[in-house]
Amino acid sequence: MSLLELPCTLVGNRGRTSTICLFDSGASYSVIRRETAERIAHLEPLPEPLVFGTADKDGFITANYAVLIEFFLEDAPRRFTDEFMVMDTLSEDLIIGATTMQKWQIKLDFVNETVVYDRKMQRLRI
């Protein structure tokens, strides 16, 4: 598991905010703290809760809601989008997990402490 933090802007259907995006290659899904999600987006109930294991032995956390969020990195010409699971208790505002990174072909460069992505992936196609 590897982590990188970068400033980013989050945009939802209710507003926008600036925060730090934590890129976590060990997280299956992308997640957002409920307080942050409620400020910028309407929460959508999940058909069934998702239960995630945590680093604590026998630790679990449950997501009952999701939000569609756009996020912008400082050097990105366009937005990234994905569904984020809403967590009531989360140590970070936002964690970008492996599924989002795979979707947008985002790679983590730990030597230079940067997020690398294919700029062609940001071209919207149907």
N, C-alpha and C. Protein backbone atom coordinates (compact mmCIF):
# COMPACT_ATOMS: atom_id res chain seq x y z
N MET A 1 0.84 -1.17 0.00
CA MET A 1 0.00 0.00 0.00
C MET A 1 0.89 1.24 0.00
N SER A 2 0.53 2.21 -0.84
CA SER A 2 1.31 3.42 -0.94
C SER A 2 0.41 4.63 -1.01
N LEU A 3 0.89 5.75 -0.45
CA LEU A 3 0.07 6.96 -0.32
C LEU A 3 0.79 8.18 -0.87
N LEU A 4 0.02 9.08 -1.46
CA LEU A 4 0.50 10.41 -1.87
C LEU A 4 -0.62 11.41 -1.62
N GLU A 5 -0.27 12.62 -1.21
CA GLU A 5 -1.25 13.67 -0.98
C GLU A 5 -0.99 14.84 -1.91
N LEU A 6 -2.08 15.37 -2.51
CA LEU A 6 -1.98 16.53 -3.38
C LEU A 6 -3.19 17.43 -3.18
N PRO A 7 -3.01 18.75 -3.32
CA PRO A 7 -4.17 19.64 -3.26
C PRO A 7 -5.09 19.38 -4.46
N CYS A 8 -6.38 19.49 -4.24
CA CYS A 8 -7.34 19.31 -5.33
C CYS A 8 -8.61 20.10 -5.02
N THR A 9 -9.42 20.25 -6.04
CA THR A 9 -10.73 20.88 -5.90
C THR A 9 -11.79 19.83 -6.16
N LEU A 10 -12.78 19.75 -5.27
CA LEU A 10 -13.89 18.81 -5.41
C LEU A 10 -15.12 19.58 -5.86
N VAL A 11 -15.87 19.00 -6.79
CA VAL A 11 -17.09 19.63 -7.27
C VAL A 11 -18.20 18.60 -7.27
N GLY A 12 -19.32 18.97 -6.66
CA GLY A 12 -20.51 18.13 -6.65
C GLY A 12 -21.70 18.92 -7.16
N ASN A 13 -22.89 18.34 -7.08
CA ASN A 13 -24.07 19.01 -7.62
C ASN A 13 -24.60 20.11 -6.68
N ARG A 14 -23.95 20.33 -5.54
CA ARG A 14 -24.37 21.40 -4.62
C ARG A 14 -23.30 22.46 -4.41
N GLY A 15 -22.09 22.24 -4.93
CA GLY A 15 -21.04 23.22 -4.71
C GLY A 15 -19.65 22.66 -4.91
N ARG A 16 -18.68 23.40 -4.42
CA ARG A 16 -17.28 23.00 -4.58
C ARG A 16 -16.50 23.34 -3.32
N THR A 17 -15.36 22.68 -3.16
CA THR A 17 -14.47 22.96 -2.04
C THR A 17 -13.06 22.55 -2.42
N SER A 18 -12.09 23.14 -1.78
CA SER A 18 -10.69 22.76 -1.95
C SER A 18 -10.28 21.91 -0.77
N THR A 19 -9.45 20.92 -1.02
CA THR A 19 -9.00 20.03 0.05
C THR A 19 -7.71 19.34 -0.39
N ILE A 20 -7.30 18.38 0.39
CA ILE A 20 -6.16 17.54 0.04
C ILE A 20 -6.71 16.18 -0.37
N CYS A 21 -6.32 15.72 -1.56
CA CYS A 21 -6.69 14.38 -2.02
C CYS A 21 -5.59 13.41 -1.57
N LEU A 22 -5.98 12.38 -0.89
CA LEU A 22 -5.05 11.32 -0.50
C LEU A 22 -5.22 10.19 -1.50
N PHE A 23 -4.19 9.91 -2.27
CA PHE A 23 -4.20 8.81 -3.22
C PHE A 23 -3.67 7.58 -2.50
N ASP A 24 -4.48 6.55 -2.42
CA ASP A 24 -4.15 5.34 -1.66
C ASP A 24 -4.33 4.12 -2.54
N SER A 25 -3.22 3.57 -3.02
CA SER A 25 -3.28 2.41 -3.92
C SER A 25 -3.77 1.14 -3.20
N GLY A 26 -3.83 1.17 -1.88
CA GLY A 26 -4.32 0.02 -1.13
C GLY A 26 -5.80 0.07 -0.83
N ALA A 27 -6.46 1.18 -1.17
CA ALA A 27 -7.90 1.31 -0.94
C ALA A 27 -8.65 0.80 -2.17
N SER A 28 -9.61 -0.07 -1.98
CA SER A 28 -10.37 -0.62 -3.11
C SER A 28 -11.20 0.46 -3.79
N TYR A 29 -11.94 1.22 -3.02
CA TYR A 29 -12.86 2.23 -3.53
C TYR A 29 -12.36 3.62 -3.14
N SER A 30 -12.91 4.62 -3.82
CA SER A 30 -12.68 6.01 -3.41
C SER A 30 -13.75 6.36 -2.38
N VAL A 31 -13.35 7.08 -1.34
CA VAL A 31 -14.27 7.40 -0.25
C VAL A 31 -14.14 8.87 0.11
N ILE A 32 -15.21 9.41 0.70
CA ILE A 32 -15.26 10.80 1.11
C ILE A 32 -15.91 10.89 2.48
N ARG A 33 -15.41 11.80 3.31
CA ARG A 33 -16.00 12.03 4.63
C ARG A 33 -17.39 12.62 4.46
N ARG A 34 -18.35 12.12 5.24
CA ARG A 34 -19.75 12.54 5.10
C ARG A 34 -19.91 14.06 5.18
N GLU A 35 -19.26 14.68 6.13
CA GLU A 35 -19.36 16.13 6.32
C GLU A 35 -18.94 16.87 5.04
N THR A 36 -17.88 16.43 4.40
CA THR A 36 -17.41 17.04 3.16
C THR A 36 -18.39 16.77 2.03
N ALA A 37 -18.87 15.53 1.93
CA ALA A 37 -19.81 15.16 0.87
C ALA A 37 -21.09 15.97 0.95
N GLU A 38 -21.63 16.15 2.16
CA GLU A 38 -22.89 16.88 2.32
C GLU A 38 -22.78 18.35 1.93
N ARG A 39 -21.58 18.93 2.06
CA ARG A 39 -21.38 20.34 1.68
C ARG A 39 -21.46 20.53 0.16
N ILE A 40 -21.07 19.51 -0.61
CA ILE A 40 -20.95 19.72 -2.06
C ILE A 40 -21.87 18.85 -2.91
N ALA A 41 -22.54 17.85 -2.32
CA ALA A 41 -23.34 16.94 -3.15
C ALA A 41 -24.51 16.36 -2.37
N HIS A 42 -25.52 15.93 -3.10
CA HIS A 42 -26.64 15.20 -2.51
C HIS A 42 -26.22 13.75 -2.34
N LEU A 43 -26.46 13.19 -1.16
CA LEU A 43 -26.10 11.80 -0.90
C LEU A 43 -27.14 10.88 -1.53
N GLU A 44 -26.66 9.85 -2.21
CA GLU A 44 -27.52 8.86 -2.85
C GLU A 44 -27.45 7.57 -2.04
N PRO A 45 -28.58 7.07 -1.51
CA PRO A 45 -28.53 5.82 -0.74
C PRO A 45 -28.10 4.65 -1.61
N LEU A 46 -27.24 3.80 -1.08
CA LEU A 46 -26.84 2.58 -1.78
C LEU A 46 -27.96 1.54 -1.66
N PRO A 47 -28.17 0.70 -2.67
CA PRO A 47 -29.19 -0.35 -2.57
C PRO A 47 -28.95 -1.28 -1.37
N GLU A 48 -27.68 -1.55 -1.10
CA GLU A 48 -27.26 -2.33 0.07
C GLU A 48 -25.98 -1.71 0.60
N PRO A 49 -25.81 -1.67 1.90
CA PRO A 49 -24.57 -1.10 2.46
C PRO A 49 -23.34 -1.88 1.99
N LEU A 50 -22.22 -1.17 1.87
CA LEU A 50 -20.94 -1.81 1.58
C LEU A 50 -20.11 -1.79 2.86
N VAL A 51 -19.53 -2.92 3.23
CA VAL A 51 -18.73 -3.03 4.44
C VAL A 51 -17.28 -3.21 4.04
N PHE A 52 -16.42 -2.33 4.56
CA PHE A 52 -15.00 -2.34 4.23
C PHE A 52 -14.18 -2.72 5.45
N GLY A 53 -13.14 -3.51 5.25
CA GLY A 53 -12.19 -3.80 6.31
C GLY A 53 -11.26 -2.62 6.49
N THR A 54 -10.78 -2.42 7.71
CA THR A 54 -9.84 -1.34 8.01
C THR A 54 -8.51 -1.92 8.48
N ALA A 55 -7.55 -1.05 8.75
CA ALA A 55 -6.24 -1.49 9.22
C ALA A 55 -6.31 -2.09 10.62
N ASP A 56 -7.33 -1.71 11.39
CA ASP A 56 -7.49 -2.29 12.73
C ASP A 56 -7.87 -3.76 12.60
N LYS A 57 -7.30 -4.58 13.49
CA LYS A 57 -7.67 -5.98 13.52
C LYS A 57 -9.16 -6.07 13.83
N ASP A 58 -9.89 -6.81 13.03
CA ASP A 58 -11.34 -6.98 13.17
C ASP A 58 -12.10 -5.66 13.00
N GLY A 59 -11.46 -4.65 12.38
CA GLY A 59 -12.12 -3.36 12.18
C GLY A 59 -12.87 -3.30 10.86
N PHE A 60 -14.06 -2.72 10.90
CA PHE A 60 -14.89 -2.56 9.71
C PHE A 60 -15.53 -1.19 9.72
N ILE A 61 -15.83 -0.67 8.52
CA ILE A 61 -16.55 0.59 8.37
C ILE A 61 -17.58 0.38 7.25
N THR A 62 -18.75 0.98 7.43
CA THR A 62 -19.85 0.74 6.50
C THR A 62 -20.20 2.02 5.74
N ALA A 63 -20.45 1.86 4.44
CA ALA A 63 -20.94 2.95 3.60
C ALA A 63 -22.40 2.68 3.26
N ASN A 64 -23.26 3.63 3.55
CA ASN A 64 -24.68 3.54 3.22
C ASN A 64 -25.07 4.46 2.07
N TYR A 65 -24.17 5.39 1.73
CA TYR A 65 -24.45 6.39 0.69
C TYR A 65 -23.26 6.51 -0.25
N ALA A 66 -23.53 7.08 -1.42
CA ALA A 66 -22.49 7.39 -2.40
C ALA A 66 -22.79 8.75 -3.00
N VAL A 67 -21.77 9.38 -3.57
CA VAL A 67 -21.93 10.65 -4.28
C VAL A 67 -21.09 10.61 -5.55
N LEU A 68 -21.55 11.32 -6.56
CA LEU A 68 -20.78 11.49 -7.78
C LEU A 68 -20.00 12.79 -7.62
N ILE A 69 -18.68 12.70 -7.69
CA ILE A 69 -17.82 13.85 -7.46
C ILE A 69 -16.89 14.03 -8.65
N GLU A 70 -16.65 15.28 -8.99
CA GLU A 70 -15.59 15.63 -9.93
C GLU A 70 -14.43 16.16 -9.10
N PHE A 71 -13.20 15.81 -9.50
CA PHE A 71 -12.06 16.40 -8.81
C PHE A 71 -11.05 16.89 -9.83
N PHE A 72 -10.44 18.01 -9.47
CA PHE A 72 -9.48 18.67 -10.35
C PHE A 72 -8.14 18.73 -9.62
N LEU A 73 -7.07 18.33 -10.30
CA LEU A 73 -5.72 18.49 -9.78
C LEU A 73 -5.17 19.81 -10.33
N GLU A 74 -4.19 20.36 -9.65
CA GLU A 74 -3.67 21.68 -10.04
C GLU A 74 -3.17 21.73 -11.47
N ASP A 75 -2.54 20.66 -11.96
CA ASP A 75 -1.95 20.69 -13.30
C ASP A 75 -2.82 20.01 -14.36
N ALA A 76 -4.02 19.58 -13.99
CA ALA A 76 -4.88 18.86 -14.94
C ALA A 76 -5.76 19.84 -15.71
N PRO A 77 -5.78 19.73 -17.03
CA PRO A 77 -6.60 20.65 -17.81
C PRO A 77 -8.10 20.37 -17.70
N ARG A 78 -8.47 19.15 -17.34
CA ARG A 78 -9.88 18.77 -17.23
C ARG A 78 -10.13 18.03 -15.94
N ARG A 79 -11.38 17.68 -15.75
CA ARG A 79 -11.81 17.02 -14.52
C ARG A 79 -11.63 15.51 -14.59
N PHE A 80 -11.58 14.93 -13.41
CA PHE A 80 -11.70 13.49 -13.22
C PHE A 80 -13.05 13.30 -12.53
N THR A 81 -13.75 12.22 -12.79
CA THR A 81 -15.03 11.97 -12.13
C THR A 81 -15.07 10.54 -11.63
N ASP A 82 -15.83 10.33 -10.58
CA ASP A 82 -16.08 8.97 -10.11
C ASP A 82 -17.11 9.00 -8.99
N GLU A 83 -17.57 7.81 -8.64
CA GLU A 83 -18.48 7.64 -7.52
C GLU A 83 -17.63 7.42 -6.27
N PHE A 84 -17.97 8.15 -5.19
CA PHE A 84 -17.25 8.03 -3.93
C PHE A 84 -18.20 7.50 -2.87
N MET A 85 -17.75 6.51 -2.12
CA MET A 85 -18.54 5.99 -1.01
C MET A 85 -18.43 6.98 0.15
N VAL A 86 -19.55 7.26 0.80
CA VAL A 86 -19.59 8.23 1.89
C VAL A 86 -19.40 7.50 3.22
N MET A 87 -18.43 7.97 4.00
CA MET A 87 -18.12 7.37 5.30
C MET A 87 -18.39 8.38 6.41
N ASP A 88 -19.11 7.95 7.44
CA ASP A 88 -19.40 8.83 8.58
C ASP A 88 -18.13 9.22 9.32
N THR A 89 -17.24 8.28 9.49
CA THR A 89 -15.98 8.56 10.19
C THR A 89 -14.83 8.22 9.26
N LEU A 90 -14.07 9.23 8.93
CA LEU A 90 -12.94 9.06 8.02
C LEU A 90 -11.87 10.05 8.44
N SER A 91 -10.63 9.63 8.50
CA SER A 91 -9.55 10.51 8.97
C SER A 91 -9.20 11.60 7.95
N GLU A 92 -9.50 11.38 6.68
CA GLU A 92 -9.20 12.33 5.62
C GLU A 92 -10.50 12.85 5.01
N ASP A 93 -10.45 13.99 4.33
CA ASP A 93 -11.62 14.47 3.61
C ASP A 93 -11.98 13.53 2.47
N LEU A 94 -10.95 13.04 1.79
CA LEU A 94 -11.15 12.27 0.56
C LEU A 94 -10.00 11.31 0.37
N ILE A 95 -10.32 10.10 -0.01
CA ILE A 95 -9.30 9.11 -0.37
C ILE A 95 -9.62 8.60 -1.75
N ILE A 96 -8.68 8.73 -2.67
CA ILE A 96 -8.86 8.23 -4.02
C ILE A 96 -8.23 6.85 -4.07
N GLY A 97 -9.07 5.85 -4.33
CA GLY A 97 -8.64 4.46 -4.30
C GLY A 97 -8.29 3.89 -5.66
N ALA A 98 -7.98 2.60 -5.65
CA ALA A 98 -7.47 1.90 -6.83
C ALA A 98 -8.44 1.90 -8.00
N THR A 99 -9.75 1.77 -7.76
CA THR A 99 -10.69 1.71 -8.89
C THR A 99 -10.69 3.03 -9.66
N THR A 100 -10.64 4.15 -8.96
CA THR A 100 -10.59 5.45 -9.63
C THR A 100 -9.27 5.61 -10.37
N MET A 101 -8.18 5.21 -9.74
CA MET A 101 -6.87 5.33 -10.39
C MET A 101 -6.80 4.46 -11.64
N GLN A 102 -7.37 3.26 -11.59
CA GLN A 102 -7.38 2.39 -12.77
C GLN A 102 -8.24 2.99 -13.86
N LYS A 103 -9.40 3.51 -13.49
CA LYS A 103 -10.32 4.10 -14.47
C LYS A 103 -9.65 5.20 -15.27
N TRP A 104 -8.89 6.07 -14.59
CA TRP A 104 -8.27 7.22 -15.23
C TRP A 104 -6.79 6.99 -15.55
N GLN A 105 -6.31 5.76 -15.38
CA GLN A 105 -4.90 5.40 -15.62
C GLN A 105 -3.95 6.33 -14.85
N ILE A 106 -4.30 6.55 -13.58
CA ILE A 106 -3.47 7.36 -12.69
C ILE A 106 -2.42 6.47 -12.05
N LYS A 107 -1.17 6.94 -12.07
CA LYS A 107 -0.06 6.22 -11.45
C LYS A 107 0.56 7.13 -10.39
N LEU A 108 1.10 6.54 -9.36
CA LEU A 108 1.74 7.30 -8.29
C LEU A 108 3.25 7.19 -8.45
N ASP A 109 3.93 8.34 -8.55
CA ASP A 109 5.38 8.41 -8.68
C ASP A 109 5.94 8.86 -7.34
N PHE A 110 6.43 7.90 -6.56
CA PHE A 110 6.87 8.20 -5.20
C PHE A 110 8.25 8.85 -5.15
N VAL A 111 9.05 8.64 -6.17
CA VAL A 111 10.36 9.27 -6.22
C VAL A 111 10.20 10.78 -6.31
N ASN A 112 9.29 11.24 -7.19
CA ASN A 112 9.06 12.66 -7.39
C ASN A 112 7.85 13.18 -6.63
N GLU A 113 7.18 12.30 -5.89
CA GLU A 113 5.97 12.63 -5.13
C GLU A 113 4.94 13.36 -6.00
N THR A 114 4.62 12.72 -7.12
CA THR A 114 3.63 13.29 -8.04
C THR A 114 2.64 12.21 -8.47
N VAL A 115 1.52 12.70 -8.97
CA VAL A 115 0.51 11.83 -9.57
C VAL A 115 0.67 11.95 -11.08
N VAL A 116 0.81 10.82 -11.74
CA VAL A 116 1.02 10.80 -13.19
C VAL A 116 -0.23 10.22 -13.83
N TYR A 117 -0.70 10.88 -14.88
CA TYR A 117 -1.88 10.39 -15.59
C TYR A 117 -1.70 10.65 -17.07
N ASP A 118 -2.37 9.85 -17.88
CA ASP A 118 -2.34 9.99 -19.32
C ASP A 118 -3.31 11.10 -19.71
N ARG A 119 -2.80 12.19 -20.22
CA ARG A 119 -3.66 13.33 -20.55
C ARG A 119 -4.69 12.99 -21.62
N LYS A 120 -4.43 11.97 -22.44
CA LYS A 120 -5.42 11.54 -23.44
C LYS A 120 -6.64 10.91 -22.78
N MET A 121 -6.48 10.38 -21.57
CA MET A 121 -7.61 9.76 -20.87
C MET A 121 -8.66 10.78 -20.48
N GLN A 122 -8.29 12.05 -20.43
CA GLN A 122 -9.25 13.07 -20.03
C GLN A 122 -10.11 13.54 -21.20
N ARG A 123 -9.83 13.06 -22.40
CA ARG A 123 -10.71 13.37 -23.53
C ARG A 123 -11.99 12.60 -23.37
N LEU A 124 -13.10 13.27 -23.36
CA LEU A 124 -14.39 12.62 -23.17
C LEU A 124 -14.85 12.01 -24.49
N ARG A 125 -15.22 10.74 -24.44
CA ARG A 125 -15.69 10.04 -25.63
C ARG A 125 -16.97 9.30 -25.32
N ILE A 126 -17.73 9.03 -26.35
CA ILE A 126 -18.96 8.24 -26.18
C ILE A 126 -18.76 6.92 -26.88
